[in-house]
């Protein structure tokens, strides 16, 4: 049974849905302001400092725990359907992940759709990754991580980096990843009554906004169509009540076919990106601890 503390995230999501339903003409700026509340369920991690940085032309925030190993980095791409969310909404989550791994986290603020549709967000991620390598950080000392759309991007940016001939990170950690721009997963409808935020209409609307003129089968937008060969190990975490649950399982099956070391951890009854409850709910604290240990081992 889900913890009582996990209700905080469900309450936030329900409030967003109610406010969007009450204002069907809600503009983009107002919607972005709404999602800036995403950080509210996350407790402030103790002993972490923050500093904004220009990562090769991409705004970003360093999350630096006291006494950490600054030669290792979790490279984080935030979620929000490529339309909403920011480095500020995910700052505290980045801090928790950094503490758990004993390293720094770099949370990037890539350009968002509709002003900057695909492939501009993933181009920003690769640009910031290239900048990180240029700072003297070894690729084998980096793990990419991201949630929802950012879970897709922390994967596709590695595909693009591979295709550009860049050295690849030590691992990929997608959280509740959104991979399928076509909405073919059974869980989108099968979990519609238990996922309080992600519904088919919203998801497909964001897909259209993000893709612009691109195809929903473009491998850098939908890695279910990508050649996954050569990827580093992948650890996926997803909630059992998520509309996007099948995205994780279908990607893992394709990765296994390509010979990739991949595992999926499903947390029963959890909502979309339940790790936002870090510092408040035991499920999120357990997940973050596992992510930190996995990342630390890969970056050793």
Protein backbone atom coordinates (compact mmCIF):
# COMPACT_ATOMS: atom_id res chain seq x y z
CA UNK A 1 0.00 0.00 0.00
CA UNK A 2 1.24 3.46 -0.87
CA UNK A 3 2.38 5.57 2.06
CA UNK A 4 0.22 8.39 3.36
CA UNK A 5 2.99 10.82 2.44
CA UNK A 6 2.64 9.85 -1.23
CA UNK A 7 -0.75 11.55 -1.31
CA UNK A 8 1.00 14.94 -1.44
CA UNK A 9 2.02 14.42 -5.05
CA UNK A 10 -1.42 13.16 -6.03
CA UNK A 11 -3.01 16.21 -4.42
CA UNK A 12 -0.72 18.53 -6.39
CA UNK A 13 -1.49 16.77 -9.66
CA UNK A 14 -5.24 16.82 -8.97
CA UNK A 15 -5.06 20.55 -8.29
CA UNK A 16 -3.32 21.14 -11.62
CA UNK A 17 -5.94 19.11 -13.51
CA UNK A 18 -8.74 20.97 -11.74
CA UNK A 19 -7.26 24.37 -12.54
CA UNK A 20 -6.62 23.48 -16.17
CA UNK A 21 -10.15 22.07 -16.50
CA UNK A 22 -11.61 25.25 -14.98
CA UNK A 23 -9.66 27.33 -17.50
CA UNK A 24 -9.67 25.46 -20.84
CA UNK A 25 -8.28 28.56 -22.58
CA UNK A 26 -5.25 28.65 -20.26
CA UNK A 27 -2.32 30.24 -22.06
CA UNK A 28 1.17 28.84 -22.32
CA UNK A 29 2.71 31.26 -19.82
CA UNK A 30 0.03 30.50 -17.24
CA UNK A 31 0.47 26.77 -17.73
CA UNK A 32 4.22 27.10 -17.30
CA UNK A 33 3.66 29.07 -14.10
CA UNK A 34 1.37 26.28 -12.87
CA UNK A 35 4.03 23.62 -13.40
CA UNK A 36 6.62 25.72 -11.60
CA UNK A 37 4.92 24.31 -8.47
CA UNK A 38 6.38 20.89 -9.30
CA UNK A 39 9.12 21.33 -6.70
CA UNK A 40 6.66 21.73 -3.82
CA UNK A 41 6.49 18.04 -2.78
CA UNK A 42 10.29 17.78 -2.69
CA UNK A 43 11.96 18.48 0.65
CA UNK A 44 14.97 20.78 0.54
CA UNK A 45 18.05 18.52 0.74
CA UNK A 46 20.42 19.55 3.52
CA UNK A 47 24.03 20.34 2.78
CA UNK A 48 23.60 21.11 -0.92
CA UNK A 49 24.59 24.40 -2.56
CA UNK A 50 23.40 25.68 -5.93
CA UNK A 51 25.01 27.83 -8.59
CA UNK A 52 23.73 28.81 -12.01
CA UNK A 53 26.12 28.30 -14.93
CA UNK A 54 26.24 28.76 -18.69
CA UNK A 55 26.80 25.23 -20.01
CA UNK A 56 27.98 25.97 -23.52
CA UNK A 57 25.10 28.34 -24.19
CA UNK A 58 22.56 26.28 -22.23
CA UNK A 59 21.48 27.66 -18.82
CA UNK A 60 21.99 25.14 -16.02
CA UNK A 61 22.25 24.76 -12.25
CA UNK A 62 25.02 22.97 -10.41
CA UNK A 63 23.77 21.03 -7.36
CA UNK A 64 26.80 20.44 -5.13
CA UNK A 65 26.60 18.46 -1.88
CA UNK A 66 29.12 19.34 0.80
CA UNK A 67 32.21 17.13 0.53
CA UNK A 68 31.17 15.46 -2.73
CA UNK A 69 33.43 14.09 -5.45
CA UNK A 70 33.31 16.92 -7.98
CA UNK A 71 34.88 14.79 -10.71
CA UNK A 72 31.63 12.78 -11.05
CA UNK A 73 28.39 14.26 -12.43
CA UNK A 74 24.73 13.34 -12.79
CA UNK A 75 23.61 15.15 -15.96
CA UNK A 76 19.88 15.88 -15.50
CA UNK A 77 17.23 16.76 -18.11
CA UNK A 78 13.95 17.92 -16.56
CA UNK A 79 10.49 16.73 -17.52
CA UNK A 80 7.37 18.62 -18.54
CA UNK A 81 6.41 17.32 -21.99
CA UNK A 82 9.18 19.43 -23.55
CA UNK A 83 6.80 22.37 -22.96
CA UNK A 84 6.79 23.14 -19.22
CA UNK A 85 9.14 22.53 -16.27
CA UNK A 86 12.56 24.07 -15.74
CA UNK A 87 15.87 23.68 -13.97
CA UNK A 88 14.21 25.44 -11.03
CA UNK A 89 11.36 22.91 -10.69
CA UNK A 90 13.93 20.10 -10.55
CA UNK A 91 16.68 21.78 -8.51
CA UNK A 92 15.82 20.01 -5.24
CA UNK A 93 15.41 16.61 -6.89
CA UNK A 94 18.80 17.12 -8.50
CA UNK A 95 20.20 17.88 -5.05
CA UNK A 96 18.80 14.67 -3.58
CA UNK A 97 20.21 12.58 -6.43
CA UNK A 98 23.60 14.27 -6.08
CA UNK A 99 23.71 13.55 -2.34
CA UNK A 100 22.74 9.92 -2.88
CA UNK A 101 25.51 9.46 -5.46
CA UNK A 102 28.11 11.53 -3.59
CA UNK A 103 28.74 13.77 -6.59
CA UNK A 104 27.49 16.91 -8.33
CA UNK A 105 24.36 17.15 -10.48
CA UNK A 106 23.98 19.49 -13.45
CA UNK A 107 20.33 20.31 -14.18
CA UNK A 108 20.02 21.91 -17.60
CA UNK A 109 17.40 24.38 -18.84
CA UNK A 110 17.02 23.37 -22.49
CA UNK A 111 14.86 25.31 -24.94
CA UNK A 112 11.20 24.25 -24.90
CA UNK A 113 8.43 23.78 -27.44
CA UNK A 114 6.46 25.30 -29.10
CA UNK A 115 9.02 28.08 -29.54
CA UNK A 116 11.77 25.50 -29.98
CA UNK A 117 10.37 22.17 -31.24
CA UNK A 118 12.25 18.95 -31.93
CA UNK A 119 15.18 18.52 -32.39
CA UNK A 120 16.22 21.71 -30.57
CA UNK A 121 15.78 20.38 -26.99
CA UNK A 122 17.98 17.34 -27.60
CA UNK A 123 20.50 19.52 -29.43
CA UNK A 124 20.75 21.65 -26.30
CA UNK A 125 21.31 18.56 -24.15
CA UNK A 126 24.15 17.34 -26.38
CA UNK A 127 25.64 20.85 -26.47
CA UNK A 128 25.67 20.99 -22.66
CA UNK A 129 27.10 17.45 -22.47
CA UNK A 130 29.88 18.43 -24.87
CA UNK A 131 30.57 21.48 -22.68
CA UNK A 132 30.78 19.23 -19.61
CA UNK A 133 33.37 17.04 -21.30
CA UNK A 134 35.29 20.15 -22.33
CA UNK A 135 35.52 21.07 -18.61
CA UNK A 136 37.67 17.97 -18.09
CA UNK A 137 34.93 15.65 -16.79
CA UNK A 138 35.49 12.16 -18.15
CA UNK A 139 32.53 10.61 -19.96
CA UNK A 140 32.90 7.50 -17.79
CA UNK A 141 32.33 9.71 -14.76
CA UNK A 142 28.92 10.92 -16.00
CA UNK A 143 25.46 9.36 -15.71
CA UNK A 144 22.52 10.94 -17.51
CA UNK A 145 19.18 11.12 -15.74
CA UNK A 146 15.83 12.71 -16.43
CA UNK A 147 12.12 12.35 -15.82
CA UNK A 148 9.12 12.07 -18.14
CA UNK A 149 10.09 13.96 -21.33
CA UNK A 150 13.49 14.41 -19.69
CA UNK A 151 13.61 10.64 -19.26
CA UNK A 152 13.25 10.39 -23.00
CA UNK A 153 15.86 13.07 -23.54
CA UNK A 154 18.45 11.61 -21.16
CA UNK A 155 18.24 8.60 -23.50
CA UNK A 156 18.05 10.31 -26.91
CA UNK A 157 20.89 12.69 -26.08
CA UNK A 158 23.13 9.65 -25.64
CA UNK A 159 21.98 8.31 -29.01
CA UNK A 160 22.84 11.66 -30.59
CA UNK A 161 26.17 11.82 -28.74
CA UNK A 162 26.97 8.32 -30.04
CA UNK A 163 26.12 9.35 -33.59
CA UNK A 164 28.34 12.45 -33.26
CA UNK A 165 31.26 10.31 -32.12
CA UNK A 166 31.36 11.65 -28.56
CA UNK A 167 32.46 9.39 -25.71
CA UNK A 168 29.38 8.01 -23.97
CA UNK A 169 28.40 8.36 -20.30
CA UNK A 170 28.66 5.47 -17.87
CA UNK A 171 24.92 4.97 -17.55
CA UNK A 172 21.40 6.26 -18.20
CA UNK A 173 18.73 6.61 -15.48
CA UNK A 174 15.29 7.48 -16.92
CA UNK A 175 12.51 8.20 -14.40
CA UNK A 176 8.93 7.64 -15.63
CA UNK A 177 10.25 8.13 -19.17
CA UNK A 178 8.06 9.30 -22.03
CA UNK A 179 9.34 7.54 -25.14
CA UNK A 180 6.33 6.93 -27.36
CA UNK A 181 5.17 9.96 -29.36
CA UNK A 182 2.40 7.82 -30.91
CA UNK A 183 0.69 6.80 -27.67
CA UNK A 184 0.57 3.09 -28.48
CA UNK A 185 1.15 1.79 -24.95
CA UNK A 186 -1.71 -0.17 -23.39
CA UNK A 187 -1.16 1.49 -20.02
CA UNK A 188 -2.19 4.92 -21.35
CA UNK A 189 -5.79 3.73 -21.32
CA UNK A 190 -5.37 0.82 -18.90
CA UNK A 191 -4.10 3.10 -16.10
CA UNK A 192 -6.29 6.08 -17.02
CA UNK A 193 -8.38 5.71 -13.87
CA UNK A 194 -5.38 5.63 -11.50
CA UNK A 195 -2.92 8.05 -13.11
CA UNK A 196 -4.18 11.40 -11.84
CA UNK A 197 -2.07 13.56 -14.19
CA UNK A 198 -1.07 11.94 -17.47
CA UNK A 199 -4.03 11.33 -19.78
CA UNK A 200 -4.09 10.54 -23.49
CA UNK A 201 -5.46 13.91 -24.64
CA UNK A 202 -2.83 15.91 -22.72
CA UNK A 203 -0.04 13.56 -23.79
CA UNK A 204 -0.87 13.67 -27.49
CA UNK A 205 -1.30 17.43 -27.37
CA UNK A 206 2.20 17.81 -25.94
CA UNK A 207 3.55 15.38 -28.53
CA UNK A 208 2.14 17.51 -31.35
CA UNK A 209 3.56 20.67 -29.77
CA UNK A 210 6.99 19.11 -29.28
CA UNK A 211 7.29 17.46 -32.68
CA UNK A 212 6.38 20.44 -34.83
CA UNK A 213 7.05 19.21 -38.38
CA UNK A 214 8.95 16.10 -37.23
CA UNK A 215 7.66 12.55 -37.50
CA UNK A 216 6.46 10.79 -34.31
CA UNK A 217 8.72 7.93 -35.43
CA UNK A 218 11.88 10.08 -35.49
CA UNK A 219 14.34 8.02 -33.40
CA UNK A 220 15.61 11.12 -31.57
CA UNK A 221 12.04 11.93 -30.51
CA UNK A 222 10.85 8.35 -30.07
CA UNK A 223 13.72 5.98 -29.20
CA UNK A 224 11.41 2.99 -29.58
CA UNK A 225 12.38 3.36 -33.26
CA UNK A 226 16.09 3.91 -32.62
CA UNK A 227 19.10 1.70 -33.10
CA UNK A 228 20.02 1.18 -29.44
CA UNK A 229 23.29 -0.62 -30.03
CA UNK A 230 26.25 0.61 -28.03
CA UNK A 231 24.26 2.29 -25.27
CA UNK A 232 25.66 2.14 -21.73
CA UNK A 233 23.72 0.35 -18.94
CA UNK A 234 20.20 1.66 -18.27
CA UNK A 235 18.20 1.74 -15.02
CA UNK A 236 14.56 2.77 -15.40
CA UNK A 237 12.23 3.60 -12.51
CA UNK A 238 8.48 3.98 -13.02
CA UNK A 239 5.30 3.99 -10.95
CA UNK A 240 2.87 1.10 -11.22
CA UNK A 241 -0.11 3.45 -11.62
CA UNK A 242 1.39 5.39 -14.51
CA UNK A 243 -0.10 5.89 -17.96
CA UNK A 244 3.47 5.69 -19.28
CA UNK A 245 4.29 2.36 -17.61
CA UNK A 246 4.38 0.50 -20.93
CA UNK A 247 6.87 2.97 -22.40
CA UNK A 248 9.43 1.68 -19.89
CA UNK A 249 8.73 -1.99 -20.54
CA UNK A 250 8.73 -1.65 -24.33
CA UNK A 251 11.98 0.32 -24.36
CA UNK A 252 13.60 -2.22 -22.03
CA UNK A 253 12.56 -5.07 -24.32
CA UNK A 254 14.11 -3.30 -27.33
CA UNK A 255 17.27 -2.52 -25.37
CA UNK A 256 17.61 -6.17 -24.31
CA UNK A 257 17.28 -7.21 -27.97
CA UNK A 258 20.17 -4.87 -28.72
CA UNK A 259 22.31 -6.48 -26.02
CA UNK A 260 22.06 -3.57 -23.58
CA UNK A 261 22.25 -4.06 -19.80
CA UNK A 262 18.83 -2.70 -18.79
CA UNK A 263 16.57 -3.08 -15.78
CA UNK A 264 13.16 -1.66 -14.85
CA UNK A 265 12.12 -1.00 -11.26
CA UNK A 266 8.34 -0.63 -10.90
CA UNK A 267 7.08 0.97 -7.69
CA UNK A 268 3.51 -0.22 -7.01
CA UNK A 269 0.78 2.44 -6.75
CA UNK A 270 3.18 5.28 -7.46
CA UNK A 271 2.36 8.27 -9.64
CA UNK A 272 4.29 9.95 -12.45
CA UNK A 273 7.80 10.95 -11.29
CA UNK A 274 7.10 9.93 -7.70
CA UNK A 275 10.75 10.72 -6.93
CA UNK A 276 9.55 14.31 -6.49
CA UNK A 277 8.56 13.15 -3.00
CA UNK A 278 12.23 12.83 -2.02
CA UNK A 279 12.69 13.70 1.63
CA UNK A 280 8.99 13.20 2.36
CA UNK A 281 7.81 9.73 1.25
CA UNK A 282 9.58 6.41 1.87
CA UNK A 283 9.00 5.19 -1.69
CA UNK A 284 10.81 8.19 -3.14
CA UNK A 285 13.64 7.99 -0.63
CA UNK A 286 14.14 4.31 -1.45
CA UNK A 287 14.14 5.07 -5.18
CA UNK A 288 16.62 7.92 -4.87
CA UNK A 289 18.93 5.81 -2.71
CA UNK A 290 18.92 3.06 -5.33
CA UNK A 291 19.57 5.56 -8.13
CA UNK A 292 22.46 7.05 -6.19
CA UNK A 293 24.04 3.68 -5.47
CA UNK A 294 23.65 2.57 -9.10
CA UNK A 295 25.13 5.81 -10.44
CA UNK A 296 28.02 5.73 -7.99
CA UNK A 297 28.90 2.17 -8.97
CA UNK A 298 28.84 3.00 -12.69
CA UNK A 299 31.00 6.11 -12.27
CA UNK A 300 33.60 4.37 -10.08
